[in-house]
Every structure is written in structure tokens, then in C-alpha cells.
Amino acid sequence: MKFSLLPNFLSELLFNNYIIKFNEKRFNTLIGLTLG
């Protein structure tokens, strides 16, 4: 039962990490455009 939950947890972790990285990149681009 716990083994079936593990991949789900991992994929969610990866997905959240991807979202954070994407938002960071967009945020940095926004700052770059505003300052530049």
C-alpha cells in the first residue's frame, strides 16, 4: 500500500519543483524587463 503512494508523492514533488522553477524564471524575466 505504501509503495503505491511513493511514486505519486515523488511525481507531485517533481511537479511542484517544476512549477517553482518556472515561476522563478518568469519572475526573474519580469524583473529583468522592468529594470532593463
PDB file of N, CA and C in Angstrom:
ATOM      1  N   MET A   1       0.831  -1.201   0.000  1.00  0.00           N
ATOM      2  CA  MET A   1       0.000   0.000   0.000  1.00  0.00           C
ATOM      3  C   MET A   1       0.872   1.260   0.000  1.00  0.00           C
ATOM      4  N   LYS A   2       1.899   1.254   0.818  1.00  0.00           N
ATOM      5  CA  LYS A   2       2.775   2.427   0.896  1.00  0.00           C
ATOM      6  C   LYS A   2       3.589   2.602  -0.380  1.00  0.00           C
ATOM      7  N   PHE A   3       3.887   1.468  -1.036  1.00  0.00           N
ATOM      8  CA  PHE A   3       4.685   1.532  -2.257  1.00  0.00           C
ATOM      9  C   PHE A   3       3.919   2.189  -3.393  1.00  0.00           C
ATOM     10  N   SER A   4       2.609   2.040  -3.365  1.00  0.00           N
ATOM     11  CA  SER A   4       1.791   2.644  -4.420  1.00  0.00           C
ATOM     12  C   SER A   4       1.674   4.154  -4.213  1.00  0.00           C
ATOM     13  N   LEU A   5       1.866   4.586  -2.982  1.00  0.00           N
ATOM     14  CA  LEU A   5       1.781   6.014  -2.674  1.00  0.00           C
ATOM     15  C   LEU A   5       3.089   6.740  -2.983  1.00  0.00           C
ATOM     16  N   LEU A   6       4.192   6.008  -2.949  1.00  0.00           N
ATOM     17  CA  LEU A   6       5.511   6.605  -3.137  1.00  0.00           C
ATOM     18  C   LEU A   6       5.685   7.273  -4.501  1.00  0.00           C
ATOM     19  N   PRO A   7       5.400   6.581  -5.618  1.00  0.00           N
ATOM     20  CA  PRO A   7       5.548   7.236  -6.927  1.00  0.00           C
ATOM     21  C   PRO A   7       4.683   8.480  -7.050  1.00  0.00           C
ATOM     22  N   ASN A   8       3.494   8.411  -6.490  1.00  0.00           N
ATOM     23  CA  ASN A   8       2.582   9.549  -6.531  1.00  0.00           C
ATOM     24  C   ASN A   8       3.209  10.737  -5.812  1.00  0.00           C
ATOM     25  N   PHE A   9       3.788  10.475  -4.641  1.00  0.00           N
ATOM     26  CA  PHE A   9       4.438  11.508  -3.840  1.00  0.00           C
ATOM     27  C   PHE A   9       5.630  12.102  -4.586  1.00  0.00           C
ATOM     28  N   LEU A  10       6.406  11.228  -5.222  1.00  0.00           N
ATOM     29  CA  LEU A  10       7.585  11.675  -5.970  1.00  0.00           C
ATOM     30  C   LEU A  10       7.214  12.539  -7.159  1.00  0.00           C
ATOM     31  N   SER A  11       6.190  12.100  -7.887  1.00  0.00           N
ATOM     32  CA  SER A  11       5.768  12.862  -9.067  1.00  0.00           C
ATOM     33  C   SER A  11       5.214  14.219  -8.659  1.00  0.00           C
ATOM     34  N   GLU A  12       4.525  14.246  -7.516  1.00  0.00           N
ATOM     35  CA  GLU A  12       3.979  15.512  -7.036  1.00  0.00           C
ATOM     36  C   GLU A  12       5.116  16.445  -6.643  1.00  0.00           C
ATOM     37  N   LEU A  13       6.157  15.875  -6.028  1.00  0.00           N
ATOM     38  CA  LEU A  13       7.322  16.653  -5.610  1.00  0.00           C
ATOM     39  C   LEU A  13       8.020  17.240  -6.839  1.00  0.00           C
ATOM     40  N   LEU A  14       8.195  16.415  -7.872  1.00  0.00           N
ATOM     41  CA  LEU A  14       8.826  16.867  -9.109  1.00  0.00           C
ATOM     42  C   LEU A  14       8.004  17.946  -9.783  1.00  0.00           C
ATOM     43  N   PHE A  15       6.692  17.746  -9.787  1.00  0.00           N
ATOM     44  CA  PHE A  15       5.793  18.702 -10.427  1.00  0.00           C
ATOM     45  C   PHE A  15       5.861  20.049  -9.717  1.00  0.00           C
ATOM     46  N   ASN A  16       5.834  20.012  -8.373  1.00  0.00           N
ATOM     47  CA  ASN A  16       5.916  21.250  -7.592  1.00  0.00           C
ATOM     48  C   ASN A  16       7.243  21.953  -7.836  1.00  0.00           C
ATOM     49  N   ASN A  17       8.318  21.173  -7.919  1.00  0.00           N
ATOM     50  CA  ASN A  17       9.640  21.730  -8.170  1.00  0.00           C
ATOM     51  C   ASN A  17       9.684  22.406  -9.534  1.00  0.00           C
ATOM     52  N   TYR A  18       9.031  21.777 -10.514  1.00  0.00           N
ATOM     53  CA  TYR A  18       8.983  22.332 -11.870  1.00  0.00           C
ATOM     54  C   TYR A  18       8.230  23.654 -11.879  1.00  0.00           C
ATOM     55  N   ILE A  19       7.098  23.691 -11.167  1.00  0.00           N
ATOM     56  CA  ILE A  19       6.277  24.905 -11.086  1.00  0.00           C
ATOM     57  C   ILE A  19       7.081  26.035 -10.449  1.00  0.00           C
ATOM     58  N   ILE A  20       7.790  25.719  -9.363  1.00  0.00           N
ATOM     59  CA  ILE A  20       8.584  26.731  -8.654  1.00  0.00           C
ATOM     60  C   ILE A  20       9.685  27.270  -9.566  1.00  0.00           C
ATOM     61  N   LYS A  21      10.374  26.369 -10.264  1.00  0.00           N
ATOM     62  CA  LYS A  21      11.448  26.779 -11.170  1.00  0.00           C
ATOM     63  C   LYS A  21      10.896  27.658 -12.289  1.00  0.00           C
ATOM     64  N   PHE A  22       9.735  27.260 -12.823  1.00  0.00           N
ATOM     65  CA  PHE A  22       9.112  28.003 -13.915  1.00  0.00           C
ATOM     66  C   PHE A  22       8.727  29.402 -13.450  1.00  0.00           C
ATOM     67  N   ASN A  23       8.112  29.490 -12.267  1.00  0.00           N
ATOM     68  CA  ASN A  23       7.696  30.781 -11.729  1.00  0.00           C
ATOM     69  C   ASN A  23       8.900  31.660 -11.425  1.00  0.00           C
ATOM     70  N   GLU A  24       9.981  31.048 -10.932  1.00  0.00           N
ATOM     71  CA  GLU A  24      11.211  31.778 -10.643  1.00  0.00           C
ATOM     72  C   GLU A  24      11.757  32.402 -11.919  1.00  0.00           C
ATOM     73  N   LYS A  25      11.769  31.606 -12.986  1.00  0.00           N
ATOM     74  CA  LYS A  25      12.291  32.077 -14.265  1.00  0.00           C
ATOM     75  C   LYS A  25      11.452  33.238 -14.780  1.00  0.00           C
ATOM     76  N   ARG A  26      10.136  33.106 -14.677  1.00  0.00           N
ATOM     77  CA  ARG A  26       9.224  34.146 -15.138  1.00  0.00           C
ATOM     78  C   ARG A  26       9.399  35.404 -14.301  1.00  0.00           C
ATOM     79  N   PHE A  27       9.577  35.225 -12.993  1.00  0.00           N
ATOM     80  CA  PHE A  27       9.755  36.346 -12.079  1.00  0.00           C
ATOM     81  C   PHE A  27      11.042  37.093 -12.407  1.00  0.00           C
ATOM     82  N   ASN A  28      12.113  36.328 -12.638  1.00  0.00           N
ATOM     83  CA  ASN A  28      13.398  36.928 -12.989  1.00  0.00           C
ATOM     84  C   ASN A  28      13.315  37.674 -14.309  1.00  0.00           C
ATOM     85  N   THR A  29      12.570  37.124 -15.253  1.00  0.00           N
ATOM     86  CA  THR A  29      12.390  37.774 -16.551  1.00  0.00           C
ATOM     87  C   THR A  29      11.636  39.081 -16.374  1.00  0.00           C
ATOM     88  N   LEU A  30      10.627  39.056 -15.508  1.00  0.00           N
ATOM     89  CA  LEU A  30       9.845  40.266 -15.237  1.00  0.00           C
ATOM     90  C   LEU A  30      10.732  41.347 -14.650  1.00  0.00           C
ATOM     91  N   ILE A  31      11.568  40.968 -13.688  1.00  0.00           N
ATOM     92  CA  ILE A  31      12.474  41.925 -13.051  1.00  0.00           C
ATOM     93  C   ILE A  31      13.465  42.461 -14.086  1.00  0.00           C
ATOM     94  N   GLY A  32      13.978  41.555 -14.925  1.00  0.00           N
ATOM     95  CA  GLY A  32      14.924  41.952 -15.965  1.00  0.00           C
ATOM     96  C   GLY A  32      14.311  42.949 -16.928  1.00  0.00           C
ATOM     97  N   LEU A  33      13.062  42.723 -17.300  1.00  0.00           N
ATOM     98  CA  LEU A  33      12.379  43.629 -18.224  1.00  0.00           C
ATOM     99  C   LEU A  33      12.085  44.969 -17.563  1.00  0.00           C
ATOM    100  N   THR A  34      11.759  44.915 -16.271  1.00  0.00           N
ATOM    101  CA  THR A  34      11.424  46.143 -15.552  1.00  0.00           C
ATOM    102  C   THR A  34      12.672  47.007 -15.341  1.00  0.00           C
ATOM    103  N   LEU A  35      13.772  46.369 -14.935  1.00  0.00           N
ATOM    104  CA  LEU A  35      14.997  47.112 -14.674  1.00  0.00           C
ATOM    105  C   LEU A  35      15.721  47.463 -15.969  1.00  0.00           C
ATOM    106  N   GLY A  36      15.671  46.550 -16.936  1.00  0.00           N
ATOM    107  CA  GLY A  36      16.372  46.763 -18.208  1.00  0.00           C
ATOM    108  C   GLY A  36      15.535  47.653 -19.093  1.00  0.00           C
TER     109      GLY A  36
END
